[in-house]
Amino acid sequence: MTVWPFGYRLYHDRNMKPLLRFLKDEQGQDLIEYTLLVGFIALASAGIFIDAGVNVSGIWGKASTQLSAANAAS
């Protein structure tokens, strides 16, 4: 603890040690990285499935139209 003139005391050394120890700690870093990776994969998969759903819907619509036309022609 540092004592300054006029009776001011600085507690920054004692109060900063836990904060600095927390910032230097790398425990759990892998878990965060894997969580972010899984989140990115989930978002990319959702985009692919939405796009695939639109394409499948178009294919089923065309097939339905052709089957209806073939049924009406026979």
N, C-alpha and C. Protein backbone atom coordinates (compact mmCIF):
# COMPACT_ATOMS: atom_id res chain seq x y z
N MET A 1 0.86 -1.18 0.00
CA MET A 1 0.00 0.00 0.00
C MET A 1 0.90 1.23 0.00
N THR A 2 0.59 2.15 -0.87
CA THR A 2 1.36 3.38 -0.99
C THR A 2 0.63 4.51 -0.28
N VAL A 3 1.34 5.26 0.54
CA VAL A 3 0.75 6.40 1.24
C VAL A 3 1.20 7.67 0.54
N TRP A 4 0.25 8.45 0.13
CA TRP A 4 0.52 9.72 -0.53
C TRP A 4 0.34 10.86 0.47
N PRO A 5 0.80 12.03 0.09
CA PRO A 5 0.58 13.18 1.00
C PRO A 5 -0.91 13.40 1.26
N PHE A 6 -1.23 14.03 2.31
CA PHE A 6 -2.59 14.35 2.74
C PHE A 6 -3.36 13.11 3.17
N GLY A 7 -2.68 12.03 3.45
CA GLY A 7 -3.34 10.85 3.99
C GLY A 7 -4.02 9.95 2.97
N TYR A 8 -3.86 10.20 1.66
CA TYR A 8 -4.47 9.34 0.64
C TYR A 8 -3.70 8.02 0.55
N ARG A 9 -4.42 6.96 0.48
CA ARG A 9 -3.78 5.65 0.33
C ARG A 9 -4.26 5.01 -0.97
N LEU A 10 -3.36 4.44 -1.66
CA LEU A 10 -3.72 3.77 -2.91
C LEU A 10 -3.83 2.28 -2.66
N TYR A 11 -4.98 1.75 -2.96
CA TYR A 11 -5.22 0.33 -2.80
C TYR A 11 -5.17 -0.38 -4.15
N HIS A 12 -4.69 0.29 -5.17
CA HIS A 12 -4.73 -0.29 -6.51
C HIS A 12 -3.90 -1.57 -6.62
N ASP A 13 -2.80 -1.67 -5.90
CA ASP A 13 -1.99 -2.88 -5.99
C ASP A 13 -2.78 -4.08 -5.50
N ARG A 14 -3.43 -3.94 -4.38
CA ARG A 14 -4.18 -5.04 -3.80
C ARG A 14 -5.44 -5.35 -4.62
N ASN A 15 -6.10 -4.31 -5.15
CA ASN A 15 -7.33 -4.51 -5.89
C ASN A 15 -7.10 -4.95 -7.33
N MET A 16 -5.96 -4.64 -7.89
CA MET A 16 -5.70 -4.98 -9.28
C MET A 16 -5.18 -6.40 -9.46
N LYS A 17 -4.62 -7.00 -8.43
CA LYS A 17 -4.06 -8.35 -8.58
C LYS A 17 -5.11 -9.38 -9.00
N PRO A 18 -6.30 -9.41 -8.38
CA PRO A 18 -7.30 -10.40 -8.84
C PRO A 18 -7.74 -10.13 -10.28
N LEU A 19 -7.86 -8.86 -10.66
CA LEU A 19 -8.27 -8.53 -12.02
C LEU A 19 -7.20 -8.96 -13.02
N LEU A 20 -5.95 -8.69 -12.73
CA LEU A 20 -4.87 -9.08 -13.62
C LEU A 20 -4.76 -10.61 -13.70
N ARG A 21 -4.96 -11.29 -12.58
CA ARG A 21 -4.92 -12.75 -12.58
C ARG A 21 -6.06 -13.30 -13.43
N PHE A 22 -7.23 -12.67 -13.35
CA PHE A 22 -8.37 -13.10 -14.16
C PHE A 22 -8.10 -12.89 -15.64
N LEU A 23 -7.51 -11.76 -16.01
CA LEU A 23 -7.23 -11.48 -17.41
C LEU A 23 -6.16 -12.39 -17.98
N LYS A 24 -5.22 -12.81 -17.17
CA LYS A 24 -4.15 -13.69 -17.64
C LYS A 24 -4.57 -15.15 -17.68
N ASP A 25 -5.62 -15.50 -16.97
CA ASP A 25 -6.05 -16.89 -16.89
C ASP A 25 -6.63 -17.34 -18.22
N GLU A 26 -6.13 -18.45 -18.75
CA GLU A 26 -6.60 -18.97 -20.03
C GLU A 26 -7.46 -20.22 -19.86
N GLN A 27 -7.80 -20.54 -18.64
CA GLN A 27 -8.63 -21.71 -18.39
C GLN A 27 -10.03 -21.45 -18.93
N GLY A 28 -10.56 -22.39 -19.69
CA GLY A 28 -11.89 -22.24 -20.28
C GLY A 28 -11.87 -21.61 -21.65
N GLN A 29 -10.72 -21.23 -22.14
CA GLN A 29 -10.63 -20.59 -23.45
C GLN A 29 -11.04 -21.55 -24.55
N ASP A 30 -10.64 -22.81 -24.45
CA ASP A 30 -11.00 -23.80 -25.46
C ASP A 30 -12.51 -23.99 -25.53
N LEU A 31 -13.17 -24.00 -24.39
CA LEU A 31 -14.61 -24.18 -24.36
C LEU A 31 -15.31 -23.04 -25.10
N ILE A 32 -14.85 -21.83 -24.92
CA ILE A 32 -15.44 -20.69 -25.61
C ILE A 32 -15.21 -20.79 -27.11
N GLU A 33 -14.01 -21.20 -27.51
CA GLU A 33 -13.71 -21.32 -28.93
C GLU A 33 -14.57 -22.40 -29.57
N TYR A 34 -14.73 -23.54 -28.90
CA TYR A 34 -15.56 -24.60 -29.45
C TYR A 34 -17.03 -24.18 -29.50
N THR A 35 -17.48 -23.44 -28.52
CA THR A 35 -18.86 -22.96 -28.52
C THR A 35 -19.10 -22.01 -29.68
N LEU A 36 -18.16 -21.11 -29.94
CA LEU A 36 -18.30 -20.21 -31.08
C LEU A 36 -18.28 -20.98 -32.40
N LEU A 37 -17.44 -22.00 -32.49
CA LEU A 37 -17.38 -22.81 -33.70
C LEU A 37 -18.70 -23.55 -33.94
N VAL A 38 -19.26 -24.13 -32.89
CA VAL A 38 -20.54 -24.83 -33.03
C VAL A 38 -21.65 -23.85 -33.40
N GLY A 39 -21.63 -22.66 -32.83
CA GLY A 39 -22.62 -21.65 -33.19
C GLY A 39 -22.52 -21.24 -34.65
N PHE A 40 -21.30 -21.08 -35.14
CA PHE A 40 -21.11 -20.73 -36.56
C PHE A 40 -21.62 -21.85 -37.46
N ILE A 41 -21.31 -23.09 -37.10
CA ILE A 41 -21.77 -24.22 -37.91
C ILE A 41 -23.30 -24.30 -37.91
N ALA A 42 -23.91 -24.03 -36.76
CA ALA A 42 -25.38 -24.05 -36.67
C ALA A 42 -26.00 -22.98 -37.56
N LEU A 43 -25.42 -21.78 -37.56
CA LEU A 43 -25.96 -20.72 -38.41
C LEU A 43 -25.78 -21.04 -39.89
N ALA A 44 -24.62 -21.57 -40.24
CA ALA A 44 -24.38 -21.92 -41.64
C ALA A 44 -25.32 -23.05 -42.07
N SER A 45 -25.53 -24.03 -41.20
CA SER A 45 -26.44 -25.13 -41.51
C SER A 45 -27.88 -24.62 -41.68
N ALA A 46 -28.28 -23.71 -40.84
CA ALA A 46 -29.64 -23.16 -40.94
C ALA A 46 -29.81 -22.45 -42.28
N GLY A 47 -28.81 -21.70 -42.70
CA GLY A 47 -28.90 -21.03 -44.00
C GLY A 47 -28.98 -22.01 -45.15
N ILE A 48 -28.21 -23.09 -45.06
CA ILE A 48 -28.24 -24.11 -46.12
C ILE A 48 -29.59 -24.81 -46.15
N PHE A 49 -30.13 -25.14 -44.97
CA PHE A 49 -31.41 -25.84 -44.93
C PHE A 49 -32.55 -24.96 -45.42
N ILE A 50 -32.50 -23.68 -45.11
CA ILE A 50 -33.54 -22.77 -45.60
C ILE A 50 -33.50 -22.69 -47.12
N ASP A 51 -32.29 -22.56 -47.67
CA ASP A 51 -32.13 -22.50 -49.12
C ASP A 51 -32.56 -23.82 -49.76
N ALA A 52 -32.19 -24.94 -49.15
CA ALA A 52 -32.58 -26.25 -49.68
C ALA A 52 -34.10 -26.42 -49.61
N GLY A 53 -34.73 -25.90 -48.56
CA GLY A 53 -36.18 -25.99 -48.44
C GLY A 53 -36.89 -25.26 -49.55
N VAL A 54 -36.38 -24.11 -49.95
CA VAL A 54 -36.97 -23.36 -51.05
C VAL A 54 -36.83 -24.15 -52.35
N ASN A 55 -35.64 -24.74 -52.57
CA ASN A 55 -35.42 -25.52 -53.79
C ASN A 55 -36.30 -26.76 -53.83
N VAL A 56 -36.42 -27.47 -52.71
CA VAL A 56 -37.26 -28.67 -52.66
C VAL A 56 -38.72 -28.30 -52.89
N SER A 57 -39.13 -27.19 -52.34
CA SER A 57 -40.51 -26.73 -52.54
C SER A 57 -40.77 -26.46 -54.02
N GLY A 58 -39.80 -25.86 -54.69
CA GLY A 58 -39.95 -25.61 -56.13
C GLY A 58 -40.01 -26.89 -56.93
N ILE A 59 -39.20 -27.87 -56.58
CA ILE A 59 -39.21 -29.16 -57.27
C ILE A 59 -40.56 -29.85 -57.09
N TRP A 60 -41.08 -29.87 -55.85
CA TRP A 60 -42.37 -30.51 -55.60
C TRP A 60 -43.50 -29.77 -56.32
N GLY A 61 -43.39 -28.46 -56.42
CA GLY A 61 -44.40 -27.68 -57.14
C GLY A 61 -44.41 -28.02 -58.62
N LYS A 62 -43.24 -28.13 -59.23
CA LYS A 62 -43.15 -28.49 -60.65
C LYS A 62 -43.66 -29.91 -60.89
N ALA A 63 -43.28 -30.82 -60.00
CA ALA A 63 -43.74 -32.21 -60.14
C ALA A 63 -45.25 -32.29 -60.02
N SER A 64 -45.80 -31.56 -59.08
CA SER A 64 -47.25 -31.56 -58.88
C SER A 64 -47.95 -31.00 -60.11
N THR A 65 -47.43 -29.95 -60.68
CA THR A 65 -48.03 -29.35 -61.88
C THR A 65 -47.99 -30.34 -63.05
N GLN A 66 -46.86 -31.00 -63.24
CA GLN A 66 -46.74 -31.96 -64.35
C GLN A 66 -47.65 -33.16 -64.13
N LEU A 67 -47.76 -33.64 -62.90
CA LEU A 67 -48.65 -34.77 -62.63
C LEU A 67 -50.12 -34.37 -62.83
N SER A 68 -50.47 -33.15 -62.45
CA SER A 68 -51.85 -32.69 -62.66
C SER A 68 -52.16 -32.56 -64.15
N ALA A 69 -51.18 -32.05 -64.91
CA ALA A 69 -51.37 -31.92 -66.36
C ALA A 69 -51.48 -33.30 -67.02
N ALA A 70 -50.66 -34.26 -66.58
CA ALA A 70 -50.71 -35.61 -67.14
C ALA A 70 -52.04 -36.29 -66.79
N ASN A 71 -52.55 -36.05 -65.59
CA ASN A 71 -53.82 -36.63 -65.17
C ASN A 71 -54.97 -36.05 -65.97
N ALA A 72 -54.89 -34.75 -66.24
CA ALA A 72 -55.98 -34.12 -67.00
C ALA A 72 -55.96 -34.57 -68.47
N ALA A 73 -54.76 -34.86 -69.00
CA ALA A 73 -54.64 -35.24 -70.40
C ALA A 73 -55.13 -36.67 -70.63
N SER A 74 -55.11 -37.50 -69.62
CA SER A 74 -55.49 -38.91 -69.84
C SER A 74 -56.94 -39.17 -69.65
